[in-house]
Amino acid sequence: MGGTFEALGDGGGAAIALDEVEVSILRSLAVQLLELIGPGAPEPDADADPLAALFAEGPSEPPSDPALARLFPDAYGAPDGEGDAGVDPAELTARSAEFRRFTENDLRTRKREDALAVVRSLDGLAPAGDGAVVLELTGELPLRWLGALNDLRLTIAARLDITEDDEGAVLFRLPDDDPRKPMVMAYLWLGGLQETLIETL
C-alpha cells in the first residue's frame, strides 16, 4: 500500500498509507473547507418545537463566493439546459430559490460532517516508527471521505477557475514556477485518492 486506497482484507472498508506531510496537507485542506462552509446550525433548544427546526428555512440566494457556489449550486440551470427549453429564466430563478431555502441547510450540515470526519480520522492516527501511518476507513467513513474529497476538489477547481472542458489543458501544462502549481498538484492528488477510494467500494 502506498499513496492509494486499497480494500481491507475483509472487504469492509478501505486503507491507505500516508506520511506525515500527506496527513498534514489533508488535515489542513479539510480544516480550510470547514472554515469555508461555515459554522453548523446552533444546538437545538430543549424547549423549542422540534418540527420548527425541521422546517427551518435556509438562504434563497446563491453564494457570492465562487467556491461556495460550486459546492451549493442552483438546482435549476440556465434556460439553455436540456429540459428547460421555453421556461422563463425568472421562473427558473424562483424554482432554484425555493429549492435552496429548504435544502441548503441540510446540505451544508452534511458537507460539514464529511469534512469533520476527515479531520477526526486523521487526528486519531498513531504514527509508526518511520513517521508513516495507515488510515483504515470502515462503516460510514469511506462515504464521508468520498464526499469530503469531492468537495475539496470542487473548491480547488473553483479557486483555479478549472472547468471540466479545460481541465487537462490547464493542469498538465503549467510551468513549475507558476504560483498555481501547488494547488494543481493538490487537485490531482485528491483526484487520485478519490478514484482509488471509489474503486475499493
Protein backbone atom coordinates (compact mmCIF):
# COMPACT_ATOMS: atom_id res chain seq x y z
CA MET A 1 0.00 0.00 0.00
CA GLY A 2 1.42 3.41 -0.83
CA GLY A 3 -0.42 6.58 -1.68
CA THR A 4 -3.60 4.93 -2.91
CA PHE A 5 -6.58 3.39 -1.18
CA GLU A 6 -6.85 -0.38 -1.15
CA ALA A 7 -9.67 -2.60 0.03
CA LEU A 8 -9.33 -4.00 3.52
CA GLY A 9 -8.85 -7.76 3.66
CA ASP A 10 -12.38 -8.47 4.86
CA GLY A 11 -13.90 -6.24 2.16
CA GLY A 12 -15.40 -3.99 4.80
CA GLY A 13 -13.63 -0.75 4.03
CA ALA A 14 -10.51 0.87 2.65
CA ALA A 15 -7.00 1.62 3.87
CA ILE A 16 -4.15 3.87 2.78
CA ALA A 17 -0.59 4.51 3.95
CA LEU A 18 0.14 8.19 4.49
CA ASP A 19 3.29 10.01 5.53
CA GLU A 20 3.35 12.96 7.92
CA VAL A 21 3.32 15.53 5.12
CA GLU A 22 0.30 13.93 3.44
CA VAL A 23 -1.58 13.78 6.74
CA SER A 24 -0.77 17.44 7.38
CA ILE A 25 -1.91 18.52 3.91
CA LEU A 26 -5.17 16.56 4.09
CA ARG A 27 -5.95 17.88 7.55
CA SER A 28 -5.16 21.47 6.57
CA LEU A 29 -7.36 21.26 3.47
CA ALA A 30 -10.25 19.75 5.46
CA VAL A 31 -9.99 22.49 8.11
CA GLN A 32 -9.98 25.16 5.40
CA LEU A 33 -13.08 23.53 3.89
CA LEU A 34 -14.79 23.67 7.29
CA GLU A 35 -13.96 27.37 7.56
CA LEU A 36 -15.33 27.99 4.06
CA ILE A 37 -18.58 26.12 4.75
CA GLY A 38 -19.04 28.00 8.00
CA PRO A 39 -20.35 27.05 11.43
CA GLY A 40 -23.00 24.43 11.81
CA ALA A 41 -26.52 25.06 12.95
CA PRO A 42 -26.87 26.13 16.59
CA GLU A 43 -27.66 23.47 19.14
CA PRO A 44 -31.42 22.97 19.40
CA ASP A 45 -33.17 24.49 22.39
CA ALA A 46 -34.62 21.75 24.61
CA ASP A 47 -37.88 23.69 24.88
CA ALA A 48 -38.09 24.51 21.16
CA ASP A 49 -40.61 22.89 18.84
CA PRO A 50 -38.78 20.02 17.05
CA LEU A 51 -40.95 20.49 13.96
CA ALA A 52 -39.90 24.14 13.71
CA ALA A 53 -36.26 23.07 13.39
CA LEU A 54 -37.23 20.50 10.78
CA PHE A 55 -38.82 23.17 8.62
CA ALA A 56 -36.26 25.93 9.24
CA GLU A 57 -35.63 27.89 6.08
CA GLY A 58 -32.20 28.44 4.62
CA PRO A 59 -30.92 31.09 2.21
CA SER A 60 -32.72 31.70 -1.07
CA GLU A 61 -29.85 33.43 -2.87
CA PRO A 62 -26.82 31.58 -4.25
CA PRO A 63 -23.48 32.25 -2.52
CA SER A 64 -21.35 35.05 -3.95
CA ASP A 65 -18.09 33.14 -3.35
CA PRO A 66 -17.37 31.05 -6.50
CA ALA A 67 -16.15 28.09 -4.40
CA LEU A 68 -19.32 28.06 -2.29
CA ALA A 69 -21.39 28.48 -5.45
CA ARG A 70 -19.70 25.32 -6.77
CA LEU A 71 -20.44 23.48 -3.52
CA PHE A 72 -24.05 24.75 -3.35
CA PRO A 73 -25.14 25.19 -6.98
CA ASP A 74 -28.58 26.22 -8.18
CA ALA A 75 -30.90 23.25 -8.62
CA TYR A 76 -32.24 24.62 -11.89
CA GLY A 77 -29.82 25.75 -14.55
CA ALA A 78 -29.99 28.38 -17.20
CA PRO A 79 -32.84 28.07 -19.71
CA ASP A 80 -30.44 26.72 -22.35
CA GLY A 81 -30.09 23.40 -20.48
CA GLU A 82 -31.85 20.28 -21.70
CA GLY A 83 -35.41 20.12 -20.43
CA ASP A 84 -35.52 23.85 -19.76
CA ALA A 85 -36.38 24.97 -23.27
CA GLY A 86 -39.13 27.55 -23.27
CA VAL A 87 -39.02 28.07 -19.49
CA ASP A 88 -38.90 31.69 -18.40
CA PRO A 89 -35.49 32.43 -16.77
CA ALA A 90 -37.32 34.22 -13.94
CA GLU A 91 -39.26 31.02 -13.27
CA LEU A 92 -36.02 29.01 -13.11
CA THR A 93 -34.57 31.54 -10.65
CA ALA A 94 -37.68 31.29 -8.48
CA ARG A 95 -37.57 27.49 -8.53
CA SER A 96 -33.89 27.50 -7.55
CA ALA A 97 -34.52 29.94 -4.70
CA GLU A 98 -37.36 27.81 -3.35
CA PHE A 99 -35.33 24.62 -3.59
CA ARG A 100 -32.32 26.26 -1.90
CA ARG A 101 -34.44 27.55 1.02
CA PHE A 102 -35.42 24.03 2.03
CA THR A 103 -32.28 22.04 1.16
CA GLU A 104 -29.13 24.12 1.62
CA ASN A 105 -29.03 23.94 5.41
CA ASP A 106 -29.11 20.12 5.32
CA LEU A 107 -26.56 20.00 2.51
CA ARG A 108 -24.27 22.38 4.39
CA THR A 109 -24.56 20.20 7.53
CA ARG A 110 -23.71 17.06 5.58
CA LYS A 111 -20.68 18.64 3.94
CA ARG A 112 -19.50 19.91 7.30
CA GLU A 113 -19.89 16.45 8.84
CA ASP A 114 -17.91 14.92 5.96
CA ALA A 115 -15.02 17.36 6.46
CA LEU A 116 -15.12 16.82 10.24
CA ALA A 117 -14.93 13.06 9.69
CA VAL A 118 -11.71 13.57 7.71
CA VAL A 119 -10.17 15.73 10.44
CA ARG A 120 -11.17 13.33 13.21
CA SER A 121 -9.90 10.31 11.26
CA LEU A 122 -6.52 11.95 10.76
CA ASP A 123 -6.34 13.16 14.38
CA GLY A 124 -6.90 9.60 15.58
CA LEU A 125 -3.88 8.18 13.76
CA ALA A 126 -0.87 6.95 15.70
CA PRO A 127 2.40 7.38 13.81
CA ALA A 128 4.55 4.35 13.18
CA GLY A 129 8.30 4.35 13.74
CA ASP A 130 9.11 5.70 10.27
CA GLY A 131 6.57 8.52 10.51
CA ALA A 132 4.10 6.75 8.20
CA VAL A 133 0.61 5.80 9.30
CA VAL A 134 -2.08 3.52 7.95
CA LEU A 135 -5.54 5.03 7.79
CA GLU A 136 -8.37 2.50 7.84
CA LEU A 137 -11.87 3.60 6.86
CA THR A 138 -14.79 1.39 7.83
CA GLY A 139 -18.51 1.82 8.39
CA GLU A 140 -19.73 5.16 7.08
CA LEU A 141 -16.23 6.69 6.90
CA PRO A 142 -15.45 5.72 3.27
CA LEU A 143 -18.55 7.60 2.08
CA ARG A 144 -17.75 10.55 4.35
CA TRP A 145 -14.26 10.69 2.90
CA LEU A 146 -15.60 10.45 -0.66
CA GLY A 147 -17.89 13.41 -0.01
CA ALA A 148 -15.10 15.49 1.52
CA LEU A 149 -12.60 14.65 -1.24
CA ASN A 150 -15.16 15.66 -3.84
CA ASP A 151 -15.89 18.93 -2.02
CA LEU A 152 -12.17 19.69 -1.73
CA ARG A 153 -11.66 19.13 -5.46
CA LEU A 154 -14.67 21.32 -6.32
CA THR A 155 -13.33 24.08 -4.08
CA ILE A 156 -9.83 23.98 -5.56
CA ALA A 157 -11.26 23.84 -9.09
CA ALA A 158 -13.28 26.98 -8.37
CA ARG A 159 -10.22 28.76 -6.97
CA LEU A 160 -8.20 27.78 -10.06
CA ASP A 161 -11.11 28.52 -12.40
CA ILE A 162 -10.99 24.98 -13.77
CA THR A 163 -13.93 23.59 -15.70
CA GLU A 164 -14.40 20.03 -16.94
CA ASP A 165 -13.78 21.19 -20.50
CA ASP A 166 -10.32 22.65 -19.93
CA GLU A 167 -9.12 20.50 -17.02
CA GLY A 168 -6.45 18.57 -18.90
CA ALA A 169 -5.02 21.52 -20.79
CA VAL A 170 -4.75 23.73 -17.71
CA LEU A 171 -3.43 21.16 -15.28
CA PHE A 172 -0.72 19.45 -17.26
CA ARG A 173 0.86 22.44 -18.98
CA LEU A 174 1.65 24.74 -16.06
CA PRO A 175 5.33 25.60 -15.68
CA ASP A 176 6.96 24.71 -12.37
CA ASP A 177 7.29 28.38 -11.37
CA ASP A 178 3.56 29.05 -11.80
CA PRO A 179 2.13 30.04 -8.38
CA ARG A 180 -0.91 27.84 -9.04
CA LYS A 181 1.23 24.70 -9.36
CA PRO A 182 0.95 23.58 -5.69
CA MET A 183 -2.85 23.85 -5.81
CA VAL A 184 -2.91 21.98 -9.12
CA MET A 185 -0.77 19.22 -7.63
CA ALA A 186 -3.14 19.01 -4.64
CA TYR A 187 -6.12 18.88 -7.02
CA LEU A 188 -4.58 15.99 -8.98
CA TRP A 189 -3.55 14.13 -5.82
CA LEU A 190 -7.04 14.43 -4.32
CA GLY A 191 -8.44 13.14 -7.61
CA GLY A 192 -6.22 10.07 -7.37
CA LEU A 193 -7.31 9.45 -3.78
CA GLN A 194 -10.95 9.84 -4.76
CA GLU A 195 -10.61 7.48 -7.72
CA THR A 196 -8.88 4.72 -5.78
CA LEU A 197 -11.34 5.04 -2.89
CA ILE A 198 -14.25 4.63 -5.33
CA GLU A 199 -12.57 1.53 -6.79
CA THR A 200 -12.36 -0.09 -3.35
CA LEU A 201 -16.06 0.34 -2.57
